[in-house]
N, C-alpha and C. Protein backbone atom coordinates (compact mmCIF):
# COMPACT_ATOMS: atom_id res chain seq x y z
N UNK A 1 -6.66 12.69 -58.41
CA UNK A 1 -8.11 12.58 -58.35
C UNK A 1 -8.55 11.12 -58.46
N UNK A 2 -7.90 10.38 -59.37
CA UNK A 2 -8.26 8.98 -59.55
C UNK A 2 -7.98 8.15 -58.31
N UNK A 3 -6.91 8.41 -57.65
CA UNK A 3 -6.55 7.68 -56.45
C UNK A 3 -7.55 7.91 -55.33
N UNK A 4 -8.05 9.11 -55.25
CA UNK A 4 -9.03 9.45 -54.22
C UNK A 4 -10.34 8.71 -54.46
N UNK A 5 -10.79 8.64 -55.71
CA UNK A 5 -12.02 7.93 -56.04
C UNK A 5 -11.88 6.44 -55.78
N UNK A 6 -10.74 5.88 -56.14
CA UNK A 6 -10.49 4.46 -55.90
C UNK A 6 -10.44 4.15 -54.42
N UNK A 7 -9.84 5.04 -53.65
CA UNK A 7 -9.77 4.87 -52.21
C UNK A 7 -11.16 4.92 -51.58
N UNK A 8 -12.03 5.81 -52.08
CA UNK A 8 -13.38 5.92 -51.56
C UNK A 8 -14.19 4.65 -51.86
N UNK A 9 -14.04 4.10 -53.05
CA UNK A 9 -14.73 2.85 -53.40
C UNK A 9 -14.23 1.71 -52.53
N UNK A 10 -12.93 1.63 -52.33
CA UNK A 10 -12.35 0.59 -51.50
C UNK A 10 -12.84 0.69 -50.06
N UNK A 11 -12.93 1.91 -49.54
CA UNK A 11 -13.41 2.12 -48.17
C UNK A 11 -14.87 1.73 -48.04
N UNK A 12 -15.69 2.05 -49.04
CA UNK A 12 -17.10 1.69 -48.98
C UNK A 12 -17.31 0.18 -49.06
N UNK A 13 -16.54 -0.51 -49.88
CA UNK A 13 -16.63 -1.97 -49.97
C UNK A 13 -16.18 -2.60 -48.66
N UNK A 14 -15.10 -2.11 -48.10
CA UNK A 14 -14.60 -2.66 -46.84
C UNK A 14 -15.61 -2.41 -45.72
N UNK A 15 -16.24 -1.24 -45.72
CA UNK A 15 -17.24 -0.93 -44.69
C UNK A 15 -18.44 -1.83 -44.79
N UNK A 16 -18.91 -2.08 -46.02
CA UNK A 16 -20.09 -2.94 -46.16
C UNK A 16 -19.77 -4.39 -45.82
N UNK A 17 -18.57 -4.85 -46.12
CA UNK A 17 -18.18 -6.21 -45.73
C UNK A 17 -18.09 -6.33 -44.21
N UNK A 18 -17.55 -5.32 -43.57
CA UNK A 18 -17.44 -5.33 -42.12
C UNK A 18 -18.83 -5.32 -41.49
N UNK A 19 -19.73 -4.50 -42.02
CA UNK A 19 -21.07 -4.39 -41.48
C UNK A 19 -21.85 -5.70 -41.67
N UNK A 20 -21.67 -6.35 -42.81
CA UNK A 20 -22.39 -7.61 -43.04
C UNK A 20 -21.83 -8.73 -42.19
N UNK A 21 -20.58 -8.66 -41.83
CA UNK A 21 -19.96 -9.70 -41.01
C UNK A 21 -20.37 -9.60 -39.55
N UNK A 22 -20.83 -8.44 -39.11
CA UNK A 22 -21.16 -8.27 -37.69
C UNK A 22 -22.57 -8.76 -37.36
N UNK A 23 -23.36 -9.17 -38.34
CA UNK A 23 -24.70 -9.67 -38.08
C UNK A 23 -25.76 -8.59 -38.12
N UNK A 24 -25.42 -7.41 -38.57
CA UNK A 24 -26.37 -6.30 -38.66
C UNK A 24 -27.44 -6.59 -39.69
N UNK A 25 -28.70 -6.43 -39.31
CA UNK A 25 -29.80 -6.50 -40.28
C UNK A 25 -30.67 -5.28 -40.07
N UNK A 26 -31.07 -4.62 -41.14
CA UNK A 26 -31.92 -3.44 -41.00
C UNK A 26 -33.28 -3.81 -40.40
N UNK A 27 -33.90 -2.86 -39.71
CA UNK A 27 -35.19 -3.09 -39.07
C UNK A 27 -36.24 -3.52 -40.08
N UNK A 28 -36.26 -2.89 -41.24
CA UNK A 28 -37.27 -3.20 -42.24
C UNK A 28 -36.80 -4.24 -43.25
N UNK A 29 -35.60 -4.78 -43.06
CA UNK A 29 -35.06 -5.73 -44.01
C UNK A 29 -35.46 -7.16 -43.75
N UNK A 30 -36.02 -7.45 -42.61
CA UNK A 30 -36.38 -8.81 -42.26
C UNK A 30 -37.70 -9.19 -42.93
N UNK A 31 -37.66 -10.14 -43.83
CA UNK A 31 -38.84 -10.48 -44.63
C UNK A 31 -39.95 -11.09 -43.80
N UNK A 32 -39.61 -11.82 -42.74
CA UNK A 32 -40.63 -12.51 -41.94
C UNK A 32 -41.58 -11.52 -41.28
N UNK A 33 -41.07 -10.47 -40.70
CA UNK A 33 -41.93 -9.50 -40.03
C UNK A 33 -42.76 -8.74 -41.07
N UNK A 34 -42.13 -8.30 -42.15
CA UNK A 34 -42.85 -7.54 -43.18
C UNK A 34 -43.97 -8.32 -43.81
N UNK A 35 -43.73 -9.60 -44.10
CA UNK A 35 -44.78 -10.40 -44.73
C UNK A 35 -45.91 -10.69 -43.74
N UNK A 36 -45.60 -10.78 -42.46
CA UNK A 36 -46.64 -11.00 -41.46
C UNK A 36 -47.52 -9.76 -41.32
N UNK A 37 -46.91 -8.59 -41.37
CA UNK A 37 -47.68 -7.35 -41.26
C UNK A 37 -48.67 -7.20 -42.41
N UNK A 38 -48.27 -7.63 -43.58
CA UNK A 38 -49.13 -7.52 -44.76
C UNK A 38 -50.35 -8.43 -44.68
N UNK A 39 -50.31 -9.40 -43.76
CA UNK A 39 -51.39 -10.39 -43.68
C UNK A 39 -52.19 -10.25 -42.39
N UNK A 40 -52.36 -9.00 -41.94
CA UNK A 40 -53.17 -8.70 -40.77
C UNK A 40 -54.44 -7.99 -41.24
N UNK A 41 -55.58 -8.58 -40.94
CA UNK A 41 -56.86 -7.95 -41.28
C UNK A 41 -57.27 -7.09 -40.08
N UNK A 42 -57.73 -5.89 -40.37
CA UNK A 42 -58.03 -4.90 -39.33
C UNK A 42 -59.53 -4.71 -39.20
N UNK A 43 -60.03 -4.75 -37.96
CA UNK A 43 -61.42 -4.42 -37.69
C UNK A 43 -61.45 -3.31 -36.63
N UNK A 44 -62.32 -2.34 -36.85
CA UNK A 44 -62.46 -1.22 -35.93
C UNK A 44 -63.94 -0.98 -35.66
N UNK A 45 -64.21 -0.08 -34.75
CA UNK A 45 -65.60 0.26 -34.46
C UNK A 45 -66.21 1.00 -35.63
N UNK A 46 -67.53 1.00 -35.67
CA UNK A 46 -68.25 1.56 -36.81
C UNK A 46 -68.62 3.02 -36.57
N UNK A 47 -67.63 3.89 -36.64
CA UNK A 47 -67.85 5.33 -36.59
C UNK A 47 -66.75 6.01 -37.40
N UNK A 48 -66.80 7.33 -37.50
CA UNK A 48 -65.85 8.05 -38.36
C UNK A 48 -64.41 7.86 -37.92
N UNK A 49 -64.13 7.96 -36.64
CA UNK A 49 -62.77 7.80 -36.16
C UNK A 49 -62.28 6.37 -36.34
N UNK A 50 -63.15 5.40 -36.10
CA UNK A 50 -62.79 4.01 -36.33
C UNK A 50 -62.46 3.74 -37.79
N UNK A 51 -63.28 4.32 -38.68
CA UNK A 51 -63.03 4.17 -40.11
C UNK A 51 -61.69 4.78 -40.51
N UNK A 52 -61.40 5.98 -39.99
CA UNK A 52 -60.12 6.64 -40.30
C UNK A 52 -58.94 5.82 -39.80
N UNK A 53 -59.07 5.26 -38.59
CA UNK A 53 -57.99 4.44 -38.04
C UNK A 53 -57.79 3.18 -38.88
N UNK A 54 -58.89 2.55 -39.29
CA UNK A 54 -58.76 1.34 -40.11
C UNK A 54 -58.04 1.65 -41.43
N UNK A 55 -58.42 2.75 -42.07
CA UNK A 55 -57.75 3.15 -43.32
C UNK A 55 -56.25 3.36 -43.09
N UNK A 56 -55.91 4.08 -42.04
CA UNK A 56 -54.50 4.38 -41.76
C UNK A 56 -53.73 3.10 -41.42
N UNK A 57 -54.34 2.19 -40.66
CA UNK A 57 -53.67 0.94 -40.32
C UNK A 57 -53.46 0.07 -41.55
N UNK A 58 -54.46 -0.03 -42.41
CA UNK A 58 -54.31 -0.83 -43.62
C UNK A 58 -53.19 -0.28 -44.50
N UNK A 59 -53.08 1.04 -44.58
CA UNK A 59 -51.98 1.65 -45.34
C UNK A 59 -50.64 1.41 -44.65
N UNK A 60 -50.59 1.59 -43.34
CA UNK A 60 -49.33 1.42 -42.61
C UNK A 60 -48.83 -0.02 -42.65
N UNK A 61 -49.75 -0.97 -42.64
CA UNK A 61 -49.37 -2.39 -42.67
C UNK A 61 -49.23 -2.92 -44.08
N UNK A 62 -49.59 -2.13 -45.08
CA UNK A 62 -49.55 -2.54 -46.49
C UNK A 62 -50.35 -3.84 -46.67
N UNK A 63 -51.59 -3.82 -46.18
CA UNK A 63 -52.42 -5.01 -46.18
C UNK A 63 -52.58 -5.59 -47.57
N UNK A 64 -52.31 -6.88 -47.69
CA UNK A 64 -52.43 -7.62 -48.95
C UNK A 64 -53.80 -8.31 -48.95
N UNK A 65 -54.75 -7.72 -49.67
CA UNK A 65 -56.11 -8.25 -49.69
C UNK A 65 -56.20 -9.62 -50.35
N UNK A 66 -55.24 -9.95 -51.19
CA UNK A 66 -55.29 -11.23 -51.91
C UNK A 66 -54.79 -12.39 -51.06
N UNK A 67 -54.00 -12.11 -50.03
CA UNK A 67 -53.42 -13.18 -49.20
C UNK A 67 -54.38 -13.55 -48.06
N UNK A 68 -54.29 -14.78 -47.63
CA UNK A 68 -55.08 -15.25 -46.49
C UNK A 68 -54.53 -14.61 -45.22
N UNK A 69 -55.38 -13.99 -44.42
CA UNK A 69 -54.90 -13.33 -43.20
C UNK A 69 -54.31 -14.31 -42.20
N UNK A 70 -53.19 -13.94 -41.60
CA UNK A 70 -52.57 -14.73 -40.54
C UNK A 70 -53.04 -14.25 -39.16
N UNK A 71 -53.45 -12.98 -39.10
CA UNK A 71 -53.84 -12.38 -37.82
C UNK A 71 -55.07 -11.49 -38.02
N UNK A 72 -55.76 -11.25 -36.91
CA UNK A 72 -56.86 -10.29 -36.89
C UNK A 72 -56.52 -9.25 -35.83
N UNK A 73 -56.51 -7.98 -36.26
CA UNK A 73 -56.25 -6.87 -35.36
C UNK A 73 -57.58 -6.17 -35.07
N UNK A 74 -57.97 -6.17 -33.81
CA UNK A 74 -59.21 -5.52 -33.39
C UNK A 74 -58.84 -4.31 -32.55
N UNK A 75 -59.45 -3.18 -32.84
CA UNK A 75 -59.16 -1.96 -32.09
C UNK A 75 -60.44 -1.39 -31.49
N UNK A 76 -60.29 -0.76 -30.37
CA UNK A 76 -61.37 -0.02 -29.72
C UNK A 76 -60.82 1.38 -29.43
N UNK A 77 -61.51 2.41 -29.93
CA UNK A 77 -61.01 3.77 -29.85
C UNK A 77 -61.92 4.62 -28.98
N UNK A 78 -61.32 5.39 -28.09
CA UNK A 78 -62.05 6.35 -27.26
C UNK A 78 -61.43 7.72 -27.50
N UNK A 79 -62.26 8.75 -27.60
CA UNK A 79 -61.72 10.09 -27.79
C UNK A 79 -62.30 11.04 -26.75
N UNK A 80 -61.49 12.03 -26.41
CA UNK A 80 -61.90 13.04 -25.44
C UNK A 80 -61.44 14.40 -25.98
N UNK A 81 -62.36 15.34 -26.07
CA UNK A 81 -62.06 16.67 -26.57
C UNK A 81 -62.17 17.66 -25.42
N UNK A 82 -61.13 18.48 -25.28
CA UNK A 82 -61.09 19.46 -24.19
C UNK A 82 -60.76 20.82 -24.77
N UNK A 83 -61.47 21.83 -24.33
CA UNK A 83 -61.22 23.18 -24.84
C UNK A 83 -60.01 23.79 -24.14
N UNK A 84 -59.22 24.51 -24.92
CA UNK A 84 -58.03 25.20 -24.41
C UNK A 84 -58.17 26.67 -24.74
N UNK A 85 -57.85 27.53 -23.82
CA UNK A 85 -57.89 28.96 -24.09
C UNK A 85 -59.31 29.45 -24.25
N UNK A 86 -59.55 30.66 -23.83
CA UNK A 86 -60.88 31.24 -23.92
C UNK A 86 -60.79 32.65 -24.47
N UNK A 87 -61.77 32.97 -25.30
CA UNK A 87 -61.92 34.34 -25.78
C UNK A 87 -62.70 35.14 -24.74
N UNK A 88 -62.83 36.40 -25.01
CA UNK A 88 -63.56 37.27 -24.08
C UNK A 88 -65.04 36.88 -23.97
N UNK A 89 -65.59 36.27 -25.04
CA UNK A 89 -66.99 35.84 -25.01
C UNK A 89 -67.14 34.41 -24.49
N UNK A 90 -66.08 33.87 -23.86
CA UNK A 90 -66.06 32.55 -23.23
C UNK A 90 -66.20 31.40 -24.22
N UNK A 91 -65.73 31.58 -25.44
CA UNK A 91 -65.67 30.48 -26.40
C UNK A 91 -64.21 30.02 -26.52
N UNK A 92 -64.03 28.77 -26.87
CA UNK A 92 -62.69 28.18 -26.94
C UNK A 92 -61.93 28.70 -28.16
N UNK A 93 -60.61 28.85 -28.01
CA UNK A 93 -59.76 29.24 -29.13
C UNK A 93 -59.06 28.03 -29.74
N UNK A 94 -58.84 27.00 -28.94
CA UNK A 94 -58.22 25.76 -29.41
C UNK A 94 -58.88 24.59 -28.70
N UNK A 95 -58.73 23.42 -29.31
CA UNK A 95 -59.20 22.19 -28.68
C UNK A 95 -58.06 21.19 -28.63
N UNK A 96 -58.08 20.38 -27.60
CA UNK A 96 -57.11 19.29 -27.46
C UNK A 96 -57.90 17.99 -27.62
N UNK A 97 -57.49 17.17 -28.56
CA UNK A 97 -58.15 15.90 -28.83
C UNK A 97 -57.23 14.78 -28.38
N UNK A 98 -57.67 14.00 -27.40
CA UNK A 98 -56.91 12.86 -26.91
C UNK A 98 -57.63 11.60 -27.37
N UNK A 99 -56.90 10.74 -28.07
CA UNK A 99 -57.48 9.51 -28.61
C UNK A 99 -56.70 8.34 -28.05
N UNK A 100 -57.42 7.40 -27.44
CA UNK A 100 -56.82 6.20 -26.86
C UNK A 100 -57.31 4.99 -27.64
N UNK A 101 -56.38 4.20 -28.12
CA UNK A 101 -56.73 2.99 -28.88
C UNK A 101 -56.21 1.77 -28.14
N UNK A 102 -57.11 0.85 -27.86
CA UNK A 102 -56.75 -0.43 -27.28
C UNK A 102 -56.85 -1.46 -28.39
N UNK A 103 -55.78 -2.22 -28.61
CA UNK A 103 -55.78 -3.17 -29.72
C UNK A 103 -55.48 -4.58 -29.23
N UNK A 104 -55.98 -5.55 -30.01
CA UNK A 104 -55.74 -6.96 -29.74
C UNK A 104 -55.38 -7.64 -31.06
N UNK A 105 -54.26 -8.32 -31.06
CA UNK A 105 -53.81 -9.07 -32.24
C UNK A 105 -54.00 -10.55 -31.94
N UNK A 106 -54.88 -11.18 -32.73
CA UNK A 106 -55.21 -12.59 -32.51
C UNK A 106 -54.75 -13.42 -33.71
N UNK A 107 -53.94 -14.46 -33.49
CA UNK A 107 -53.55 -15.32 -34.61
C UNK A 107 -54.75 -16.06 -35.17
N UNK A 108 -54.82 -16.18 -36.48
CA UNK A 108 -55.93 -16.87 -37.14
C UNK A 108 -55.90 -18.37 -36.83
N UNK A 109 -54.71 -18.91 -36.59
CA UNK A 109 -54.58 -20.33 -36.32
C UNK A 109 -54.82 -20.67 -34.85
N UNK A 110 -55.21 -19.70 -34.06
CA UNK A 110 -55.40 -19.91 -32.63
C UNK A 110 -54.14 -19.49 -31.88
N UNK A 111 -54.20 -19.52 -30.62
CA UNK A 111 -53.06 -19.11 -29.82
C UNK A 111 -53.39 -17.90 -28.99
N UNK A 112 -52.43 -17.52 -28.19
CA UNK A 112 -52.64 -16.40 -27.26
C UNK A 112 -52.62 -15.07 -27.99
N UNK A 113 -53.61 -14.23 -27.76
CA UNK A 113 -53.61 -12.90 -28.38
C UNK A 113 -52.61 -11.98 -27.69
N UNK A 114 -52.19 -10.96 -28.41
CA UNK A 114 -51.31 -9.92 -27.89
C UNK A 114 -52.13 -8.64 -27.82
N UNK A 115 -52.02 -7.91 -26.72
CA UNK A 115 -52.79 -6.69 -26.57
C UNK A 115 -51.87 -5.51 -26.29
N UNK A 116 -52.39 -4.33 -26.51
CA UNK A 116 -51.64 -3.11 -26.24
C UNK A 116 -52.55 -1.90 -26.26
N UNK A 117 -52.02 -0.79 -25.79
CA UNK A 117 -52.76 0.46 -25.76
C UNK A 117 -51.83 1.58 -26.18
N UNK A 118 -52.35 2.48 -26.98
CA UNK A 118 -51.60 3.67 -27.41
C UNK A 118 -52.51 4.88 -27.23
N UNK A 119 -51.91 5.99 -26.85
CA UNK A 119 -52.64 7.24 -26.68
C UNK A 119 -51.93 8.35 -27.44
N UNK A 120 -52.72 9.16 -28.13
CA UNK A 120 -52.20 10.26 -28.93
C UNK A 120 -53.00 11.52 -28.59
N UNK A 121 -52.31 12.65 -28.53
CA UNK A 121 -52.96 13.93 -28.29
C UNK A 121 -52.62 14.89 -29.42
N UNK A 122 -53.63 15.49 -30.01
CA UNK A 122 -53.43 16.52 -31.03
C UNK A 122 -54.26 17.74 -30.64
N UNK A 123 -53.89 18.87 -31.22
CA UNK A 123 -54.66 20.09 -30.99
C UNK A 123 -55.06 20.69 -32.33
N UNK A 124 -56.11 21.46 -32.29
CA UNK A 124 -56.53 22.17 -33.49
C UNK A 124 -57.20 23.47 -33.08
N UNK A 125 -57.19 24.43 -33.99
CA UNK A 125 -57.76 25.75 -33.72
C UNK A 125 -59.28 25.70 -33.85
N UNK A 126 -59.94 26.48 -33.02
CA UNK A 126 -61.39 26.61 -33.09
C UNK A 126 -61.71 27.76 -34.05
N UNK A 127 -62.50 27.46 -35.04
CA UNK A 127 -62.86 28.48 -36.04
C UNK A 127 -64.24 29.05 -35.74
N UNK A 128 -64.46 30.27 -36.20
CA UNK A 128 -65.76 30.92 -36.00
C UNK A 128 -66.82 30.39 -36.96
N UNK A 129 -66.42 30.07 -38.18
CA UNK A 129 -67.35 29.57 -39.18
C UNK A 129 -67.64 28.09 -38.91
N UNK A 130 -68.91 27.68 -39.01
CA UNK A 130 -69.27 26.29 -38.69
C UNK A 130 -68.55 25.26 -39.56
N UNK A 131 -68.47 25.49 -40.87
CA UNK A 131 -67.81 24.51 -41.75
C UNK A 131 -66.33 24.41 -41.42
N UNK A 132 -65.69 25.54 -41.17
CA UNK A 132 -64.26 25.54 -40.83
C UNK A 132 -64.02 24.82 -39.51
N UNK A 133 -64.93 24.95 -38.56
CA UNK A 133 -64.79 24.27 -37.28
C UNK A 133 -64.88 22.75 -37.46
N UNK A 134 -65.81 22.30 -38.30
CA UNK A 134 -65.96 20.87 -38.57
C UNK A 134 -64.72 20.34 -39.29
N UNK A 135 -64.23 21.09 -40.27
CA UNK A 135 -63.04 20.67 -41.01
C UNK A 135 -61.82 20.59 -40.09
N UNK A 136 -61.68 21.55 -39.17
CA UNK A 136 -60.56 21.53 -38.24
C UNK A 136 -60.64 20.31 -37.31
N UNK A 137 -61.83 19.99 -36.84
CA UNK A 137 -62.01 18.83 -35.97
C UNK A 137 -61.68 17.54 -36.73
N UNK A 138 -62.16 17.43 -37.95
CA UNK A 138 -61.88 16.23 -38.73
C UNK A 138 -60.39 16.11 -39.06
N UNK A 139 -59.73 17.24 -39.29
CA UNK A 139 -58.28 17.21 -39.52
C UNK A 139 -57.56 16.72 -38.28
N UNK A 140 -57.98 17.16 -37.11
CA UNK A 140 -57.39 16.69 -35.86
C UNK A 140 -57.57 15.19 -35.68
N UNK A 141 -58.77 14.70 -36.03
CA UNK A 141 -59.03 13.26 -35.95
C UNK A 141 -58.16 12.48 -36.93
N UNK A 142 -57.99 13.02 -38.13
CA UNK A 142 -57.16 12.36 -39.15
C UNK A 142 -55.71 12.28 -38.69
N UNK A 143 -55.19 13.37 -38.13
CA UNK A 143 -53.80 13.37 -37.63
C UNK A 143 -53.64 12.40 -36.47
N UNK A 144 -54.64 12.33 -35.59
CA UNK A 144 -54.58 11.39 -34.47
C UNK A 144 -54.61 9.95 -34.97
N UNK A 145 -55.46 9.65 -35.94
CA UNK A 145 -55.55 8.30 -36.49
C UNK A 145 -54.24 7.91 -37.17
N UNK A 146 -53.63 8.83 -37.88
CA UNK A 146 -52.37 8.56 -38.55
C UNK A 146 -51.26 8.24 -37.55
N UNK A 147 -51.19 9.01 -36.48
CA UNK A 147 -50.16 8.77 -35.46
C UNK A 147 -50.44 7.48 -34.71
N UNK A 148 -51.70 7.19 -34.42
CA UNK A 148 -52.03 5.92 -33.76
C UNK A 148 -51.65 4.73 -34.63
N UNK A 149 -51.91 4.82 -35.93
CA UNK A 149 -51.55 3.73 -36.84
C UNK A 149 -50.04 3.52 -36.84
N UNK A 150 -49.28 4.60 -36.82
CA UNK A 150 -47.82 4.48 -36.79
C UNK A 150 -47.36 3.80 -35.50
N UNK A 151 -47.91 4.20 -34.37
CA UNK A 151 -47.52 3.61 -33.09
C UNK A 151 -47.95 2.16 -32.98
N UNK A 152 -49.16 1.84 -33.43
CA UNK A 152 -49.63 0.45 -33.38
C UNK A 152 -48.78 -0.42 -34.30
N UNK A 153 -48.41 0.09 -35.45
CA UNK A 153 -47.53 -0.66 -36.37
C UNK A 153 -46.21 -1.00 -35.70
N UNK A 154 -45.63 -0.03 -34.99
CA UNK A 154 -44.38 -0.29 -34.27
C UNK A 154 -44.58 -1.36 -33.19
N UNK A 155 -45.69 -1.28 -32.47
CA UNK A 155 -46.00 -2.31 -31.46
C UNK A 155 -46.13 -3.68 -32.09
N UNK A 156 -46.81 -3.75 -33.24
CA UNK A 156 -47.00 -5.04 -33.92
C UNK A 156 -45.68 -5.60 -34.42
N UNK A 157 -44.82 -4.73 -34.94
CA UNK A 157 -43.51 -5.18 -35.40
C UNK A 157 -42.72 -5.80 -34.24
N UNK A 158 -42.79 -5.15 -33.10
CA UNK A 158 -42.09 -5.67 -31.93
C UNK A 158 -42.70 -6.99 -31.47
N UNK A 159 -44.02 -7.07 -31.43
CA UNK A 159 -44.69 -8.30 -31.01
C UNK A 159 -44.41 -9.47 -31.95
N UNK A 160 -44.39 -9.20 -33.25
CA UNK A 160 -44.16 -10.29 -34.22
C UNK A 160 -42.70 -10.67 -34.33
N UNK A 161 -41.78 -9.78 -33.96
CA UNK A 161 -40.36 -10.14 -34.02
C UNK A 161 -39.91 -10.92 -32.80
N UNK A 162 -40.70 -10.88 -31.71
CA UNK A 162 -40.39 -11.63 -30.49
C UNK A 162 -41.50 -12.63 -30.21
N UNK A 163 -41.48 -13.78 -30.89
CA UNK A 163 -42.59 -14.74 -30.73
C UNK A 163 -42.67 -15.32 -29.34
């Protein structure tokens, strides 16, 4: 039993030495990209979906309010709601919410901005009760904003890692 445990420790040490010698660095291990993400100030349009996207982006980027911003991220969001499925009384049973976000990352020190576009589609059930219908729509918007923030964060990581 002791020999097996010692062999496992030896194999793990040898594996980590081999991995470190090959130049492998984890995606989230690079301090330069992570610290740059924390110093991006986000501005969005002044409506409910814009507010939700700004909240999600600030969380996804781990925005450091105490640090001086290095970049300004501006987003413009468009949404389109389409009914799916029909009941016998011609009311919708589900809705499809498509949200398109166009973003621009501008360095605070000047320089060429980086732009991109992401599109997300979510669906939600149509409820008969008015409050439930509003809650379902807002939940769909929240899920769309969360997914957009994740995709925009990935775009920003790629843009900042390739200057």
